Amino acid sequence: MKTEKLEKVSLKELAEESGVNYEVFKIKRKLVKKIKAHCEKEKISQRSLAKNVPGLTQDRVSKIFNGQVGGMTIDKLVLILDVLKIKVNLSLKHAA
């Protein structure tokens, strides 16, 4: 049986090949990481989180926690953080 060696690709390259804006991907990833960490620390279930955020289902929370954020907007993630009483600060700088 012949095995094929996979090519190593950076997240940035993968995002670009998939037609995803890498900067948006990084922002979503940071927001999701904070949501997930907070819920784990405070023992907030996916069902409970979904119940407290308008328009969010437990199935969608599960997808978010598993890294499937393609259809999730940044403003929805910020709304989730707001419900969790977590303040979001934005920092901007010129690209090198």
N, C-alpha and C. Protein backbone atom coordinates (compact mmCIF):
# COMPACT_ATOMS: atom_id res chain seq x y z
N MET A 1 0.85 -1.17 0.00
CA MET A 1 0.00 0.00 0.00
C MET A 1 0.90 1.24 0.00
N LYS A 2 0.66 2.14 -0.91
CA LYS A 2 1.45 3.35 -1.05
C LYS A 2 0.83 4.48 -0.24
N THR A 3 1.65 5.15 0.58
CA THR A 3 1.15 6.29 1.33
C THR A 3 1.67 7.57 0.71
N GLU A 4 0.84 8.56 0.73
CA GLU A 4 1.21 9.85 0.16
C GLU A 4 1.63 10.79 1.28
N LYS A 5 2.72 11.46 1.11
CA LYS A 5 3.22 12.40 2.10
C LYS A 5 2.47 13.73 1.94
N LEU A 6 1.94 14.23 3.06
CA LEU A 6 1.22 15.49 3.03
C LEU A 6 2.20 16.66 3.08
N GLU A 7 1.87 17.68 2.34
CA GLU A 7 2.69 18.89 2.31
C GLU A 7 2.36 19.75 3.53
N LYS A 8 3.39 20.28 4.18
CA LYS A 8 3.16 21.18 5.30
C LYS A 8 2.75 22.54 4.76
N VAL A 9 1.66 23.06 5.31
CA VAL A 9 1.13 24.35 4.87
C VAL A 9 0.82 25.19 6.10
N SER A 10 1.17 26.47 6.05
CA SER A 10 0.86 27.36 7.17
C SER A 10 -0.63 27.68 7.18
N LEU A 11 -1.12 28.12 8.32
CA LEU A 11 -2.53 28.51 8.41
C LEU A 11 -2.86 29.64 7.44
N LYS A 12 -1.91 30.55 7.29
CA LYS A 12 -2.13 31.67 6.37
C LYS A 12 -2.29 31.15 4.94
N GLU A 13 -1.43 30.23 4.52
CA GLU A 13 -1.53 29.66 3.17
C GLU A 13 -2.83 28.89 3.00
N LEU A 14 -3.20 28.13 4.02
CA LEU A 14 -4.43 27.35 3.97
C LEU A 14 -5.64 28.27 3.85
N ALA A 15 -5.64 29.35 4.63
CA ALA A 15 -6.75 30.31 4.58
C ALA A 15 -6.85 30.94 3.20
N GLU A 16 -5.71 31.36 2.65
CA GLU A 16 -5.70 32.00 1.34
C GLU A 16 -6.15 31.04 0.24
N GLU A 17 -5.71 29.79 0.33
CA GLU A 17 -6.13 28.78 -0.66
C GLU A 17 -7.62 28.50 -0.58
N SER A 18 -8.19 28.67 0.62
CA SER A 18 -9.61 28.41 0.83
C SER A 18 -10.47 29.64 0.58
N GLY A 19 -9.83 30.76 0.24
CA GLY A 19 -10.58 31.98 -0.02
C GLY A 19 -11.05 32.68 1.24
N VAL A 20 -10.37 32.42 2.35
CA VAL A 20 -10.74 33.02 3.63
C VAL A 20 -9.73 34.11 3.96
N ASN A 21 -10.22 35.24 4.43
CA ASN A 21 -9.33 36.33 4.84
C ASN A 21 -8.61 35.90 6.11
N TYR A 22 -7.30 35.82 6.05
CA TYR A 22 -6.50 35.33 7.18
C TYR A 22 -6.63 36.22 8.41
N GLU A 23 -6.69 37.52 8.23
CA GLU A 23 -6.82 38.43 9.38
C GLU A 23 -8.15 38.22 10.09
N VAL A 24 -9.21 38.02 9.34
CA VAL A 24 -10.53 37.75 9.93
C VAL A 24 -10.48 36.42 10.67
N PHE A 25 -9.85 35.43 10.06
CA PHE A 25 -9.70 34.11 10.68
C PHE A 25 -8.99 34.22 12.04
N LYS A 26 -7.90 35.01 12.09
CA LYS A 26 -7.14 35.16 13.34
C LYS A 26 -7.99 35.83 14.42
N ILE A 27 -8.77 36.83 14.04
CA ILE A 27 -9.62 37.53 15.01
C ILE A 27 -10.68 36.57 15.56
N LYS A 28 -11.33 35.83 14.67
CA LYS A 28 -12.35 34.88 15.11
C LYS A 28 -11.73 33.83 16.04
N ARG A 29 -10.55 33.37 15.68
CA ARG A 29 -9.88 32.35 16.48
C ARG A 29 -9.60 32.84 17.90
N LYS A 30 -9.15 34.10 18.03
CA LYS A 30 -8.88 34.66 19.36
C LYS A 30 -10.17 34.79 20.17
N LEU A 31 -11.23 35.26 19.52
CA LEU A 31 -12.49 35.43 20.22
C LEU A 31 -13.05 34.09 20.69
N VAL A 32 -13.00 33.09 19.82
CA VAL A 32 -13.50 31.75 20.17
C VAL A 32 -12.67 31.16 21.30
N LYS A 33 -11.37 31.34 21.24
CA LYS A 33 -10.49 30.81 22.29
C LYS A 33 -10.88 31.39 23.65
N LYS A 34 -11.18 32.68 23.69
CA LYS A 34 -11.57 33.34 24.94
C LYS A 34 -12.94 32.84 25.42
N ILE A 35 -13.88 32.70 24.50
CA ILE A 35 -15.22 32.20 24.85
C ILE A 35 -15.11 30.80 25.44
N LYS A 36 -14.39 29.95 24.75
CA LYS A 36 -14.25 28.55 25.17
C LYS A 36 -13.56 28.45 26.54
N ALA A 37 -12.47 29.19 26.72
CA ALA A 37 -11.73 29.16 28.00
C ALA A 37 -12.61 29.65 29.14
N HIS A 38 -13.36 30.72 28.89
CA HIS A 38 -14.23 31.26 29.94
C HIS A 38 -15.31 30.25 30.32
N CYS A 39 -15.92 29.63 29.33
CA CYS A 39 -16.98 28.65 29.60
C CYS A 39 -16.43 27.45 30.36
N GLU A 40 -15.23 27.01 30.02
CA GLU A 40 -14.62 25.88 30.73
C GLU A 40 -14.31 26.27 32.18
N LYS A 41 -13.75 27.46 32.36
CA LYS A 41 -13.39 27.93 33.70
C LYS A 41 -14.61 28.10 34.59
N GLU A 42 -15.66 28.68 34.03
CA GLU A 42 -16.87 28.97 34.80
C GLU A 42 -17.88 27.83 34.76
N LYS A 43 -17.52 26.74 34.09
CA LYS A 43 -18.39 25.56 33.97
C LYS A 43 -19.75 25.92 33.35
N ILE A 44 -19.69 26.69 32.27
CA ILE A 44 -20.90 27.08 31.53
C ILE A 44 -21.07 26.07 30.40
N SER A 45 -22.18 25.39 30.38
CA SER A 45 -22.41 24.37 29.36
C SER A 45 -22.75 25.03 28.02
N GLN A 46 -22.57 24.28 26.96
CA GLN A 46 -22.92 24.77 25.63
C GLN A 46 -24.41 25.09 25.57
N ARG A 47 -25.22 24.26 26.17
CA ARG A 47 -26.68 24.47 26.18
C ARG A 47 -27.03 25.77 26.92
N SER A 48 -26.39 26.00 28.05
CA SER A 48 -26.64 27.21 28.83
C SER A 48 -26.20 28.46 28.07
N LEU A 49 -25.05 28.39 27.43
CA LEU A 49 -24.57 29.52 26.65
C LEU A 49 -25.55 29.83 25.52
N ALA A 50 -25.97 28.81 24.81
CA ALA A 50 -26.91 28.99 23.70
C ALA A 50 -28.22 29.62 24.17
N LYS A 51 -28.68 29.20 25.35
CA LYS A 51 -29.94 29.71 25.88
C LYS A 51 -29.87 31.21 26.19
N ASN A 52 -28.67 31.68 26.55
CA ASN A 52 -28.51 33.08 26.97
C ASN A 52 -28.11 34.04 25.85
N VAL A 53 -27.83 33.51 24.66
CA VAL A 53 -27.44 34.37 23.53
C VAL A 53 -28.54 34.29 22.47
N PRO A 54 -29.18 35.42 22.19
CA PRO A 54 -30.26 35.42 21.20
C PRO A 54 -29.80 34.88 19.84
N GLY A 55 -30.59 33.95 19.30
CA GLY A 55 -30.32 33.41 17.97
C GLY A 55 -29.22 32.36 17.91
N LEU A 56 -28.74 31.90 19.05
CA LEU A 56 -27.66 30.91 19.08
C LEU A 56 -28.22 29.58 19.55
N THR A 57 -27.87 28.50 18.84
CA THR A 57 -28.31 27.17 19.23
C THR A 57 -27.16 26.38 19.84
N GLN A 58 -27.49 25.34 20.58
CA GLN A 58 -26.46 24.50 21.18
C GLN A 58 -25.62 23.85 20.09
N ASP A 59 -26.24 23.49 18.98
CA ASP A 59 -25.51 22.89 17.86
C ASP A 59 -24.47 23.87 17.32
N ARG A 60 -24.84 25.13 17.22
CA ARG A 60 -23.91 26.15 16.72
C ARG A 60 -22.77 26.38 17.71
N VAL A 61 -23.08 26.37 19.01
CA VAL A 61 -22.04 26.52 20.02
C VAL A 61 -21.05 25.37 19.90
N SER A 62 -21.56 24.17 19.71
CA SER A 62 -20.69 23.00 19.54
C SER A 62 -19.76 23.18 18.35
N LYS A 63 -20.30 23.66 17.25
CA LYS A 63 -19.48 23.89 16.05
C LYS A 63 -18.42 24.96 16.31
N ILE A 64 -18.80 26.02 17.00
CA ILE A 64 -17.85 27.09 17.34
C ILE A 64 -16.71 26.51 18.18
N PHE A 65 -17.07 25.73 19.20
CA PHE A 65 -16.07 25.15 20.10
C PHE A 65 -15.15 24.17 19.38
N ASN A 66 -15.62 23.63 18.27
CA ASN A 66 -14.82 22.69 17.48
C ASN A 66 -14.10 23.37 16.32
N GLY A 67 -14.08 24.70 16.34
CA GLY A 67 -13.31 25.45 15.35
C GLY A 67 -14.02 25.72 14.04
N GLN A 68 -15.28 25.40 13.94
CA GLN A 68 -16.03 25.63 12.71
C GLN A 68 -16.71 27.01 12.78
N VAL A 69 -15.91 28.04 12.49
CA VAL A 69 -16.41 29.41 12.65
C VAL A 69 -16.63 30.11 11.31
N GLY A 70 -16.58 29.38 10.23
CA GLY A 70 -16.72 29.98 8.91
C GLY A 70 -17.96 30.83 8.75
N GLY A 71 -19.09 30.33 9.21
CA GLY A 71 -20.34 31.06 9.07
C GLY A 71 -20.64 32.00 10.22
N MET A 72 -19.79 32.02 11.21
CA MET A 72 -19.99 32.87 12.38
C MET A 72 -19.35 34.23 12.14
N THR A 73 -20.10 35.28 12.40
CA THR A 73 -19.56 36.63 12.19
C THR A 73 -18.83 37.10 13.45
N ILE A 74 -17.93 38.04 13.26
CA ILE A 74 -17.20 38.61 14.39
C ILE A 74 -18.17 39.29 15.34
N ASP A 75 -19.18 39.98 14.81
CA ASP A 75 -20.11 40.67 15.70
C ASP A 75 -20.91 39.69 16.56
N LYS A 76 -21.21 38.50 16.05
CA LYS A 76 -21.91 37.49 16.84
C LYS A 76 -21.00 36.97 17.96
N LEU A 77 -19.72 36.78 17.64
CA LEU A 77 -18.77 36.34 18.67
C LEU A 77 -18.61 37.41 19.75
N VAL A 78 -18.60 38.69 19.35
CA VAL A 78 -18.52 39.78 20.32
C VAL A 78 -19.79 39.81 21.18
N LEU A 79 -20.94 39.54 20.58
CA LEU A 79 -22.20 39.47 21.34
C LEU A 79 -22.12 38.36 22.40
N ILE A 80 -21.58 37.21 22.02
CA ILE A 80 -21.42 36.11 22.98
C ILE A 80 -20.54 36.56 24.14
N LEU A 81 -19.43 37.22 23.82
CA LEU A 81 -18.54 37.71 24.87
C LEU A 81 -19.23 38.73 25.76
N ASP A 82 -20.06 39.57 25.16
CA ASP A 82 -20.82 40.56 25.93
C ASP A 82 -21.77 39.87 26.91
N VAL A 83 -22.44 38.84 26.45
CA VAL A 83 -23.34 38.07 27.33
C VAL A 83 -22.55 37.45 28.48
N LEU A 84 -21.30 37.04 28.20
CA LEU A 84 -20.44 36.46 29.22
C LEU A 84 -19.78 37.53 30.10
N LYS A 85 -20.10 38.80 29.83
CA LYS A 85 -19.55 39.94 30.58
C LYS A 85 -18.04 40.06 30.39
N ILE A 86 -17.59 39.81 29.17
CA ILE A 86 -16.17 39.94 28.83
C ILE A 86 -16.04 41.11 27.86
N LYS A 87 -15.23 42.07 28.24
CA LYS A 87 -15.02 43.27 27.43
C LYS A 87 -14.00 42.97 26.32
N VAL A 88 -14.29 43.44 25.13
CA VAL A 88 -13.39 43.25 23.99
C VAL A 88 -12.69 44.57 23.70
N ASN A 89 -11.36 44.54 23.64
CA ASN A 89 -10.57 45.71 23.28
C ASN A 89 -9.96 45.47 21.91
N LEU A 90 -9.94 46.50 21.11
CA LEU A 90 -9.39 46.41 19.76
C LEU A 90 -8.11 47.20 19.67
N SER A 91 -7.11 46.60 19.10
CA SER A 91 -5.82 47.26 18.93
C SER A 91 -5.44 47.19 17.45
N LEU A 92 -5.05 48.32 16.90
CA LEU A 92 -4.69 48.39 15.48
C LEU A 92 -3.26 48.87 15.32
N LYS A 93 -2.59 48.35 14.30
CA LYS A 93 -1.24 48.84 14.00
C LYS A 93 -0.97 48.64 12.51
N HIS A 94 -0.06 49.43 11.99
CA HIS A 94 0.31 49.30 10.59
C HIS A 94 1.04 47.99 10.35
N ALA A 95 0.78 47.39 9.22
CA ALA A 95 1.48 46.15 8.86
C ALA A 95 2.94 46.48 8.56
N ALA A 96 3.80 45.56 8.88
CA ALA A 96 5.24 45.76 8.66
C ALA A 96 5.59 45.69 7.19
